[in-house]
Each structure stands twice: as structure tokens, then as C-alpha cells.
Protein backbone atom coordinates (compact mmCIF):
# COMPACT_ATOMS: atom_id res chain seq x y z
CA MET A 1 0.14 0.03 0.04
CA ASN A 2 1.47 3.42 -1.25
CA VAL A 3 0.66 5.94 1.61
CA HIS A 4 1.85 9.52 1.26
CA ARG A 5 1.50 11.83 4.29
CA ILE A 6 1.10 15.69 4.25
CA ALA A 7 1.77 17.51 7.49
CA HIS A 8 -0.05 20.79 8.21
CA ASP A 9 2.24 22.25 10.75
CA GLY A 10 0.98 24.82 13.34
CA GLU A 11 -2.52 25.21 11.74
CA SER A 12 -4.31 23.62 14.57
CA PRO A 13 -4.44 23.88 18.45
CA GLU A 14 -4.07 20.10 18.52
CA GLY A 15 -0.52 20.12 16.72
CA VAL A 16 0.43 18.98 13.28
CA ASN A 17 -2.51 17.69 11.36
CA SER A 18 -1.99 14.70 9.08
CA THR A 19 -3.43 14.28 5.67
CA TYR A 20 -2.95 10.89 3.84
CA VAL A 21 -3.01 10.38 0.26
CA LEU A 22 -3.40 6.82 -1.24
CA PRO A 23 -2.64 7.57 -4.87
CA ASP A 24 -3.25 3.96 -6.06
CA ARG A 25 -6.93 4.38 -5.07
CA GLY A 26 -7.58 8.03 -5.72
CA VAL A 27 -8.21 8.70 -1.99
CA VAL A 28 -7.34 11.48 0.28
CA VAL A 29 -7.99 10.96 4.09
CA ASP A 30 -8.63 14.04 6.17
CA PRO A 31 -7.71 17.03 3.89
CA GLY A 32 -6.98 19.32 6.84
CA PRO A 33 -7.87 22.71 8.48
CA PRO A 34 -9.39 25.38 6.29
CA GLY A 35 -7.32 28.32 5.07
CA GLU A 36 -5.14 29.43 2.01
CA ARG A 37 -1.97 28.37 3.60
CA THR A 38 -3.22 24.84 4.32
CA TRP A 39 -4.63 24.62 0.83
CA ARG A 40 -1.41 25.43 -0.52
CA THR A 41 0.33 22.80 1.70
CA LEU A 42 -2.23 20.23 0.56
CA ARG A 43 -2.06 21.19 -3.16
CA ASN A 44 1.68 21.09 -3.16
CA GLY A 45 1.89 17.87 -1.23
CA LEU A 46 -0.50 15.80 -3.17
CA ASP A 47 2.10 14.54 -5.63
CA VAL A 48 -0.58 13.40 -7.97
CA PRO A 49 -2.77 15.36 -10.52
CA LEU A 50 -5.76 16.87 -9.02
CA ASP A 51 -8.02 14.84 -11.37
CA ALA A 52 -6.49 11.64 -9.87
CA ILE A 53 -8.43 12.25 -6.63
CA GLU A 54 -11.71 10.52 -6.70
CA HIS A 55 -12.65 10.18 -3.00
CA VAL A 56 -12.17 12.37 0.09
CA LEU A 57 -12.65 10.29 3.39
CA LEU A 58 -13.17 12.06 6.64
CA THR A 59 -12.56 10.35 9.94
CA HIS A 60 -14.80 12.86 11.78
CA TRP A 61 -16.43 16.27 11.38
CA HIS A 62 -14.06 18.42 13.24
CA VAL A 63 -12.88 21.42 11.22
CA ASP A 64 -9.10 20.59 11.48
CA HIS A 65 -9.83 17.45 9.67
CA ALA A 66 -12.75 18.28 7.32
CA GLY A 67 -12.20 22.17 6.72
CA LEU A 68 -10.59 21.59 3.34
CA ALA A 69 -12.96 18.66 2.26
CA ILE A 70 -15.28 20.70 0.21
CA HIS A 71 -12.45 22.90 -1.45
CA LEU A 72 -10.78 19.66 -2.48
CA ALA A 73 -13.88 18.06 -3.80
CA GLU A 74 -14.79 21.16 -5.79
CA ALA A 75 -11.26 21.28 -7.23
CA THR A 76 -11.10 17.59 -8.25
CA GLY A 77 -14.69 16.64 -8.65
CA ALA A 78 -14.21 13.92 -5.85
CA SER A 79 -17.05 12.69 -3.59
CA VAL A 80 -16.78 13.28 0.13
CA HIS A 81 -17.49 10.39 2.44
CA CYS A 82 -17.73 9.97 6.29
CA HIS A 83 -19.81 7.94 8.80
CA GLU A 84 -23.46 8.51 8.72
CA ALA A 85 -23.58 9.84 12.26
CA ASP A 86 -21.04 12.68 11.34
CA ALA A 87 -22.14 13.26 7.66
CA PRO A 88 -24.72 15.96 8.62
CA LEU A 89 -22.17 18.07 10.41
CA VAL A 90 -20.37 18.48 7.25
CA GLY A 91 -22.96 18.19 4.66
CA GLU A 92 -25.68 20.36 6.41
CA TYR A 93 -23.12 22.61 8.11
CA ALA A 94 -25.18 25.79 8.67
CA ARG A 95 -28.24 24.05 10.14
CA GLU A 96 -26.16 21.57 12.19
CA ARG A 97 -23.81 24.29 13.60
CA GLU A 98 -26.73 26.13 15.18
CA GLN A 99 -28.04 22.82 16.63
CA ARG A 100 -24.57 21.94 17.90
CA LEU A 101 -24.18 25.21 19.76
CA ALA A 102 -27.54 24.97 21.34
CA ARG A 103 -26.55 21.28 22.33
CA ASP A 104 -23.23 22.36 23.68
CA GLU A 105 -24.89 25.16 25.65
CA ARG A 106 -27.24 22.81 27.44
CA ALA A 107 -24.52 20.41 28.13
CA MET A 108 -22.36 22.88 29.75
CA GLU A 109 -25.45 24.26 32.06
CA ARG A 110 -25.92 20.59 32.96
CA TRP A 111 -22.33 20.29 33.92
CA GLY A 112 -22.49 23.30 36.16
CA VAL A 113 -20.34 25.58 34.08
CA PRO A 114 -20.76 29.35 35.08
CA PRO A 115 -23.08 31.22 32.61
CA GLY A 116 -20.22 33.70 31.71
CA ARG A 117 -17.81 30.87 30.83
CA ILE A 118 -20.59 29.25 28.71
CA GLU A 119 -21.30 32.50 26.94
CA THR A 120 -17.48 32.89 26.15
CA VAL A 121 -17.36 29.27 24.67
CA ILE A 122 -20.33 29.78 22.36
CA GLU A 123 -19.28 33.28 21.15
CA GLY A 124 -15.85 32.00 20.55
CA ASP A 125 -17.03 29.27 18.17
CA GLU A 126 -16.05 30.68 14.81
CA PRO A 127 -17.94 29.73 11.81
CA SER A 128 -16.07 27.44 9.28
CA PRO A 129 -15.74 28.30 5.62
CA LEU A 130 -17.73 25.24 4.72
CA PRO A 131 -20.80 25.89 2.58
CA PRO A 132 -24.17 25.70 4.31
CA THR A 133 -24.94 22.57 2.39
CA TYR A 134 -23.05 20.05 0.30
CA PRO A 135 -23.66 16.35 -0.83
CA VAL A 136 -21.64 14.22 1.51
CA ARG A 137 -22.08 10.33 1.16
CA ALA A 138 -23.04 8.63 4.37
CA HIS A 139 -21.63 5.24 5.38
CA GLY A 140 -22.11 2.69 7.97
CA HIS A 141 -19.59 0.34 9.73
CA GLY A 142 -18.06 -2.15 7.21
CA GLU A 143 -18.89 -0.41 4.12
CA ALA A 144 -16.13 0.37 1.66
CA ILE A 145 -15.17 3.22 -0.58
CA ALA A 146 -12.70 2.36 -3.39
CA ASP A 147 -11.63 -0.81 -1.43
CA VAL A 148 -11.08 1.27 1.68
CA GLU A 149 -13.13 -0.17 4.60
CA LEU A 150 -14.84 2.17 7.05
CA LEU A 151 -14.78 1.18 10.64
CA HIS A 152 -16.96 3.00 13.14
CA THR A 153 -14.90 4.06 16.05
CA PRO A 154 -17.22 6.28 18.31
CA GLY A 155 -15.96 8.21 21.32
CA HIS A 156 -14.13 11.38 20.38
CA THR A 157 -17.36 12.11 18.04
CA LEU A 158 -20.51 10.12 17.34
CA GLY A 159 -19.66 9.22 14.03
CA HIS A 160 -15.82 9.01 14.24
CA ALA A 161 -14.43 6.50 11.81
CA ALA A 162 -11.04 4.66 11.08
CA PHE A 163 -10.37 3.51 7.60
CA ARG A 164 -8.69 0.18 6.71
CA ALA A 165 -6.80 -0.29 3.30
CA GLY A 166 -4.85 -3.35 3.04
CA SER A 167 -2.35 -3.28 5.96
CA ALA A 168 -2.91 0.38 6.52
CA LEU A 169 -5.08 1.74 9.34
CA PHE A 170 -5.98 5.38 9.39
CA VAL A 171 -7.40 6.19 12.81
CA GLY A 172 -8.11 9.94 12.88
CA ASP A 173 -8.26 11.16 16.49
CA ALA A 174 -9.19 7.76 18.07
CA VAL A 175 -5.52 6.89 18.71
CA LEU A 176 -2.88 9.91 18.97
CA GLY A 177 0.67 9.46 19.73
CA THR A 178 1.54 12.38 22.07
CA TYR A 179 -1.72 13.21 23.98
CA THR A 180 -5.15 11.51 24.68
CA PRO A 181 -8.09 12.52 22.65
CA ASN A 182 -10.81 14.46 24.41
CA VAL A 183 -13.96 12.65 25.18
CA GLY A 184 -17.12 14.11 26.61
CA GLY A 185 -16.49 17.65 25.33
CA SER A 186 -15.53 16.99 21.73
CA ASP A 187 -18.94 15.93 20.76
CA THR A 188 -21.75 16.35 23.08
CA ARG A 189 -24.10 14.01 21.13
CA VAL A 190 -22.18 10.92 22.54
CA GLU A 191 -23.85 9.05 25.33
CA HIS A 192 -21.60 7.34 27.91
CA PRO A 193 -18.47 8.84 26.18
CA LEU A 194 -15.81 7.25 28.31
CA GLY A 195 -17.34 3.73 27.89
CA THR A 196 -17.98 4.13 24.26
CA TYR A 197 -14.31 5.37 23.61
CA ARG A 198 -12.96 2.48 25.83
CA THR A 199 -14.80 -0.01 23.66
CA THR A 200 -13.52 1.52 20.47
CA LEU A 201 -10.01 1.29 21.76
CA LYS A 202 -10.30 -2.37 22.66
CA ARG A 203 -11.84 -3.08 19.09
CA LEU A 204 -9.09 -1.25 17.50
CA ARG A 205 -6.48 -3.19 19.40
CA GLY A 206 -7.44 -6.24 17.46
CA TYR A 207 -6.55 -4.93 14.04
CA ASP A 208 -2.98 -5.44 12.67
CA GLY A 209 -1.05 -3.25 10.36
CA THR A 210 0.67 0.08 10.14
CA THR A 211 -1.38 2.87 11.93
CA TYR A 212 -1.69 6.39 10.80
CA PRO A 213 -3.22 8.91 13.29
CA GLY A 214 -4.78 12.20 12.44
CA HIS A 215 -2.06 14.15 14.23
CA GLY A 216 1.63 13.26 13.90
CA GLY A 217 3.31 10.37 12.22
CA GLN A 218 2.57 6.72 12.28
CA LEU A 219 2.66 4.75 15.50
CA ASP A 220 2.26 1.36 17.19
CA HIS A 221 -1.48 1.49 17.89
CA THR A 222 -1.50 -1.49 20.24
CA GLU A 223 1.09 0.01 22.58
CA ARG A 224 -0.45 3.51 22.41
CA ILE A 225 -3.88 1.98 23.15
CA ALA A 226 -2.44 0.28 26.32
CA ALA A 227 -1.10 3.66 27.36
CA ILE A 228 -4.44 5.61 26.62
CA LEU A 229 -6.40 3.05 28.75
CA THR A 230 -3.89 3.26 31.53
CA HIS A 231 -4.29 6.99 31.47
CA HIS A 232 -7.97 6.99 31.71
CA ASP A 233 -7.77 4.46 34.55
CA ARG A 234 -5.52 6.92 36.48
CA ARG A 235 -7.81 9.84 35.50
CA SER A 236 -10.82 8.00 36.97
CA VAL A 237 -8.86 7.58 40.32
CA ALA A 238 -8.19 11.35 40.18
CA VAL A 239 -11.85 12.12 39.75
CA ARG A 240 -12.96 9.86 42.40
CA SER A 241 -10.30 11.46 44.76
CA ALA A 242 -11.68 14.78 44.02
CA LEU A 243 -14.86 14.00 45.74
CA ASP A 244 -13.30 12.81 48.87
CA ASP A 245 -13.50 16.08 50.91
CA ARG A 246 -16.81 17.32 49.29
CA GLU A 247 -20.33 16.48 50.10
CA SER A 248 -21.05 16.69 46.43
CA ALA A 249 -19.66 18.34 43.17
CA THR A 250 -20.68 19.22 39.73
CA PRO A 251 -18.47 18.13 36.81
CA TRP A 252 -17.27 21.74 36.47
CA ASP A 253 -16.11 21.60 40.13
CA VAL A 254 -14.15 18.50 39.45
CA ALA A 255 -12.63 19.77 36.18
CA THR A 256 -11.26 22.93 37.86
CA ALA A 257 -9.93 20.82 40.80
CA LEU A 258 -8.10 18.60 38.26
CA PHE A 259 -7.09 21.10 35.66
CA GLY A 260 -6.99 24.48 37.19
CA GLU A 261 -8.10 27.61 35.52
CA LEU A 262 -9.96 26.93 32.34
CA ARG A 263 -10.51 29.23 29.44
CA GLY A 264 -12.00 29.41 25.85
CA VAL A 265 -12.76 25.90 24.34
CA HIS A 266 -10.90 24.14 27.17
CA VAL A 267 -13.93 25.03 29.48
CA LYS A 268 -16.14 22.53 27.32
CA MET A 269 -13.34 19.98 26.86
CA GLY A 270 -12.28 19.97 30.61
CA ALA A 271 -15.86 19.89 32.01
CA GLY A 272 -17.01 17.40 29.40
CA GLU A 273 -13.92 15.02 30.21
CA ALA A 274 -14.79 15.28 33.93
CA ALA A 275 -18.45 14.64 33.25
CA ALA A 276 -17.50 11.46 31.22
CA HIS A 277 -15.56 10.10 34.16
CA LEU A 278 -18.21 10.86 36.73
CA GLU A 279 -20.79 9.23 34.61
CA ALA A 280 -18.63 6.25 34.13
CA LEU A 281 -17.78 5.95 38.07
CA ALA A 282 -21.60 6.27 38.83
CA SER A 283 -22.41 3.63 36.36
CA ARG A 284 -20.15 1.27 38.13
CA GLY A 285 -21.53 2.10 41.58
CA ARG A 286 -18.11 3.96 42.52
CA ILE A 287 -19.82 7.18 43.24
CA GLN A 288 -23.55 8.46 43.48
CA GLN A 289 -25.42 10.92 41.31
CA VAL A 290 -27.13 13.05 43.73
CA GLY A 291 -28.51 15.89 41.49
CA SER A 292 -29.40 16.65 37.85
CA ALA A 293 -29.75 20.27 37.18
CA PRO A 294 -26.87 20.70 37.31
CA LEU A 295 -25.36 17.26 37.59
CA ARG A 296 -23.86 16.64 41.02
CA TYR A 297 -22.05 13.53 42.26
CA GLY A 298 -21.06 12.37 45.78
CA PRO A 299 -18.70 9.87 47.15
């Protein structure tokens, strides 16, 4: 399998985004963040004629992965593909953005985030240059596009997907080499986000081959998955310990106890991650949910 990586350095808060080109199959995976600079990086790095690109595959809807999808599709005549749960957030961008912001606002209220912090997060969500609507082909688990198999890998987003082509496994943000993907805040549609993500990791562990993540270069996914699972085990211990000296606490209380001062998008990400761990601990009987508006948990 011929795989060519294009690195978008410094264009995303998450670090170097990775676009992958499969020239033998006319496929590009995750074109990258929007912008003229990233478009030039993508165009100069393709190493194949534009008309050789027939399919644009997206691991998930986040703009640092999908931001150039429509631009590339229009320049090449390619079709755009992703999992059916994430397809509307790309293909019906304008409508879905409004719904997403309302959903995120409700989630942060439920997590006990102060109103002023919620307002900052919502106002700081800049619109993407994606068009209001665009035809995106939606797929389920196990379907193939140009002999590339889509694997549903929810957790980081509801419709996150990995793609398997021969011995190559493109995992998006499901497995990253230098930090752990956010769960809970990165897509507030996901129910039981930590448990869902852990199930995804254990399934991915069963695949062999060379692994290509959405940020950085190739990695040993089985080794990295073990490290991420251990990280979340330790994070759960820390979350449980944060309740020891309290009668009860909201996810926001726990987030600030664990992470300190949170600003901007980290308000949603930090509170969401704390909420994910608290929900998982409560589901196992390790703690008790004692309130719902906002959510409160006690030891």
C-alpha cells in the first residue's frame, strides 16, 4: 500500500494535522484545516494530479480534519465520504452548527459551568468556511469506498471512523501518539462517552497493520492504546479522589480541581471530560449521582 503523508504544521491547536494520500486508490483521508496556507500545503503535497483524486474520506466532522474537504472536492470532482452519524455536520453545516451550539450550551449548563464561561465558549466558536449544504455520502460500519473499509470508532465524536486499506489503518483522532483525545466535550451527542471510547480502543487493538493517526506520524497503535487506557484508569482515580473532601460536586467543580483555570474551548473540553469520568464511575457504583440540574455527584 502506497501511503503519502502531508503535514499541516501549526494550523491547529491540537498540533500537526496529518493528511494521507492513497494515490493507487484515488483517495485522500482528512484534507486538513481550512485556509489558504493549508490549501497550498495540501495542493503542493498531493504529488498526484488533481483529477486523480476521486474520493475524500473524513474520519470525523471536526474542522481541523474536514475544513478543506469541500474545497478539495470542488477542485477535483471527488466525492466526500464519512460515517453516517457525522455526515450531517459536514453536509448540512449551517443548520447543524446552530443545533450543535445549542446542544453544547445545554450540556455545559448541565455540567455546572458558570454562565459567563458558557457564553465565552459559544461566542468563541467561529464559523467554518464550509458551505451551508454540500452532498456528503454517508456510510455505516464495514462499508467500503474504493476498497477502503470504514470502521465505526465512536467516542471522540459520535460518527468517528477509522479506515482500513490493506495493511494500513487510518485512525483519525481515536488514537494519537502524544496526547489523549478528548472525550465528553469534543462531541456532546455521545452518550456514555468514556465507556464508548474504551470499547472503541479495545476493538481497534484487534487490528494489525501500520497505523496512521490524525495528528503526527505513524505509530504502534496497540502500545499506544494500552497507554491511553492506563491514562483513563488513572484519571478516574483522580476524579474519584476529587470527591473525597466534598459532600457533592458538579463536573465543573471536578474539572477545575483537576485542571485548574480553564479558558476558551478548554472550558467545554475539561468539563466534558470530567463529566464523562463521573458518569462512568456512577455507572459502576463507585460514586452516586445526587443531583441533575446541574449534575452533582457524591462519594
